Structure formats: structure tokens, C-alpha cells
């Protein structure tokens, strides 16, 4: 039981770290943008919106798609950890892209998209029940 608990502790630390990056960058952007010259370009908002929508949709489908390809692996904890890190990285990268667009343009829409993506990362917290759902342990040790 100890390796699973340690694995979840590591996952929680990684989860907090991946959430902290966009939150810190958003805080920096909000303090710096007060005295900055901004770029006027509508394409940044549209690209950020498309990336945000794509990332949030992909993040919800990645677990079911990748868990099917990882069923044959013996270490379910490591497979779940890999799956979650990929899921969080997709969302975090799209939130950071939107924050960069917010930094460049100052458009509140890009900041809102990034904030929604940060909330999505927060909602994807690792859990034992999700791991058991994605990687059911049908084979008992005495079989």
C-alpha cells in the first residue's frame, strides 16, 4: 500500500506545481500590465480561444483514450501518473499561451480563458477512484 500512497503524494505535488505556474504568471501580468504599451491584434484572441477549447476537450478525452492503450502495462500506478501528467500539461500549456496573449494584448478575454483552464486543471485532481475506474484490477494476485 505504501508505494501507491507515495505515488499519489508525488502526483499531488506535480499537480500543484503545474497549477502554480499559470497562477504566478497571471499575477505578474496583472501587476505589470498597468504601465505597459499593448499590442492591438485580434488574431491572438481567436487563436487563444481555439487552443483553449481544443485543450479542454482533449484533456477530458485523454484519460479514456490513453488508458485503453496502457491496459497491458503491469504498473498501473505509473500508467495513471503518466496519463495525469499528460492531461495537466495539455491544459497548462494552453493556459500559459493564453496568458502570454493577455500579456501582449491586454485583452480580458484571454485572461478569462486562462482562468477557466486553471480551474479545469484544479478539477482534474488525482484520485484513487479515478485510477480504479481507468485501470480496473480484474486480475487478483492468486489467479
Protein backbone atom coordinates (compact mmCIF):
# COMPACT_ATOMS: atom_id res chain seq x y z
CA UNK A 1 0.00 0.00 0.00
CA UNK A 2 2.87 2.39 0.66
CA UNK A 3 4.06 2.78 -2.99
CA UNK A 4 0.56 3.80 -4.10
CA UNK A 5 0.30 6.38 -1.33
CA UNK A 6 3.74 7.76 -2.19
CA UNK A 7 2.80 7.84 -5.87
CA UNK A 8 -0.32 9.87 -5.12
CA UNK A 9 1.67 12.25 -2.95
CA UNK A 10 4.06 12.82 -5.87
CA UNK A 11 1.13 13.34 -8.23
CA UNK A 12 -0.42 15.90 -5.91
CA UNK A 13 2.86 17.83 -5.73
CA UNK A 14 3.16 17.79 -9.53
CA UNK A 15 -0.47 18.91 -9.82
CA UNK A 16 0.09 21.87 -7.50
CA UNK A 17 3.28 22.80 -9.36
CA UNK A 18 1.57 22.74 -12.74
CA UNK A 19 -1.22 24.93 -11.38
CA UNK A 20 1.20 27.36 -9.74
CA UNK A 21 2.97 28.33 -12.97
CA UNK A 22 -0.04 29.90 -14.70
CA UNK A 23 -1.28 31.44 -11.43
CA UNK A 24 2.07 33.15 -10.79
CA UNK A 25 2.30 34.32 -14.40
CA UNK A 26 -1.23 35.71 -14.22
CA UNK A 27 -0.33 37.61 -11.06
CA UNK A 28 2.77 39.04 -12.70
CA UNK A 29 0.79 40.03 -15.81
CA UNK A 30 -1.82 41.81 -13.76
CA UNK A 31 0.80 43.87 -11.94
CA UNK A 32 2.95 44.66 -14.99
CA UNK A 33 0.15 45.49 -17.44
CA UNK A 34 -0.77 48.66 -15.59
CA UNK A 35 2.08 50.65 -17.18
CA UNK A 36 2.68 48.86 -20.48
CA UNK A 37 2.12 49.56 -24.16
CA UNK A 38 -0.17 46.88 -25.55
CA UNK A 39 -0.37 45.31 -29.00
CA UNK A 40 -3.69 45.53 -30.84
CA UNK A 41 -4.20 42.24 -32.67
CA UNK A 42 -7.46 40.27 -32.75
CA UNK A 43 -5.78 37.10 -34.02
CA UNK A 44 -4.22 36.43 -30.61
CA UNK A 45 -7.64 36.24 -29.01
CA UNK A 46 -9.02 33.91 -31.68
CA UNK A 47 -6.01 31.59 -31.60
CA UNK A 48 -6.10 31.55 -27.79
CA UNK A 49 -9.81 30.73 -27.80
CA UNK A 50 -9.34 27.85 -30.24
CA UNK A 51 -6.37 26.48 -28.30
CA UNK A 52 -8.31 26.75 -25.04
CA UNK A 53 -11.33 24.91 -26.42
CA UNK A 54 -9.16 22.25 -28.03
CA UNK A 55 -7.11 21.71 -24.86
CA UNK A 56 -10.13 21.43 -22.59
CA UNK A 57 -11.82 18.91 -24.90
CA UNK A 58 -8.62 16.89 -25.32
CA UNK A 59 -7.97 16.92 -21.58
CA UNK A 60 -11.31 15.28 -20.88
CA UNK A 61 -10.83 12.57 -23.54
CA UNK A 62 -7.13 11.81 -22.95
CA UNK A 63 -7.72 9.56 -19.91
CA UNK A 64 -10.16 7.24 -21.66
CA UNK A 65 -8.12 7.08 -24.87
CA UNK A 66 -4.72 6.55 -23.29
CA UNK A 67 -5.93 4.16 -20.58
CA UNK A 68 -7.06 1.74 -23.29
CA UNK A 69 -3.57 1.69 -24.78
CA UNK A 70 -1.98 1.30 -21.32
CA UNK A 71 -4.12 -1.65 -20.16
CA UNK A 72 -1.32 -4.16 -20.85
CA UNK A 73 1.21 -2.43 -18.60
CA UNK A 74 1.84 -4.09 -15.27
CA UNK A 75 2.41 -0.96 -13.17
CA UNK A 76 -1.00 0.73 -13.04
CA UNK A 77 0.23 3.47 -10.70
CA UNK A 78 2.89 4.59 -13.15
CA UNK A 79 0.45 4.42 -16.06
CA UNK A 80 -2.02 6.59 -14.16
CA UNK A 81 0.74 9.04 -13.25
CA UNK A 82 1.84 9.33 -16.89
CA UNK A 83 -1.74 9.82 -18.02
CA UNK A 84 -2.41 12.60 -15.48
CA UNK A 85 0.82 14.44 -16.25
CA UNK A 86 -0.03 14.44 -19.98
CA UNK A 87 -3.53 15.68 -19.22
CA UNK A 88 -2.31 18.51 -16.97
CA UNK A 89 0.47 19.50 -19.39
CA UNK A 90 -2.02 19.97 -22.23
CA UNK A 91 -4.22 22.24 -20.12
CA UNK A 92 -1.32 24.12 -18.54
CA UNK A 93 0.35 24.86 -21.87
CA UNK A 94 -2.84 26.26 -23.34
CA UNK A 95 -3.44 28.41 -20.27
CA UNK A 96 0.11 29.76 -20.48
CA UNK A 97 -0.35 30.55 -24.19
CA UNK A 98 -3.49 32.49 -23.35
CA UNK A 99 -1.67 34.32 -20.57
CA UNK A 100 1.10 35.29 -22.99
CA UNK A 101 -1.58 36.60 -25.35
CA UNK A 102 -3.09 38.51 -22.42
CA UNK A 103 0.34 39.91 -21.63
CA UNK A 104 0.82 41.06 -25.22
CA UNK A 105 -2.65 42.45 -25.91
CA UNK A 106 -4.17 43.18 -22.51
CA UNK A 107 -7.47 41.64 -23.66
CA UNK A 108 -9.52 40.43 -20.72
CA UNK A 109 -10.93 37.57 -22.81
CA UNK A 110 -7.54 35.86 -22.95
CA UNK A 111 -7.22 36.18 -19.18
CA UNK A 112 -10.69 34.69 -18.68
CA UNK A 113 -9.87 31.74 -20.95
CA UNK A 114 -6.67 31.14 -18.98
CA UNK A 115 -8.55 31.37 -15.67
CA UNK A 116 -11.10 28.81 -16.87
CA UNK A 117 -8.26 26.49 -17.91
CA UNK A 118 -6.64 26.89 -14.48
CA UNK A 119 -9.97 25.89 -12.91
CA UNK A 120 -10.07 22.85 -15.20
CA UNK A 121 -6.57 21.86 -14.03
CA UNK A 122 -7.75 22.21 -10.43
CA UNK A 123 -10.76 19.98 -11.13
CA UNK A 124 -8.53 17.22 -12.54
CA UNK A 125 -7.04 16.42 -9.12
CA UNK A 126 -5.74 12.80 -8.89
CA UNK A 127 -7.89 10.28 -7.04
CA UNK A 128 -7.88 6.58 -6.27
CA UNK A 129 -11.41 6.19 -7.62
CA UNK A 130 -10.43 7.67 -10.99
CA UNK A 131 -7.41 5.37 -11.18
CA UNK A 132 -9.57 2.34 -10.35
CA UNK A 133 -12.09 3.40 -12.98
CA UNK A 134 -9.46 3.85 -15.69
CA UNK A 135 -7.36 0.83 -14.71
CA UNK A 136 -9.66 -1.79 -13.13
CA UNK A 137 -7.81 -4.55 -11.31
CA UNK A 138 -9.71 -7.56 -12.61
CA UNK A 139 -6.79 -9.93 -12.11
CA UNK A 140 -6.42 -10.94 -8.49
CA UNK A 141 -2.98 -11.84 -7.15
CA UNK A 142 -3.90 -15.52 -6.63
CA UNK A 143 -5.12 -16.11 -10.20
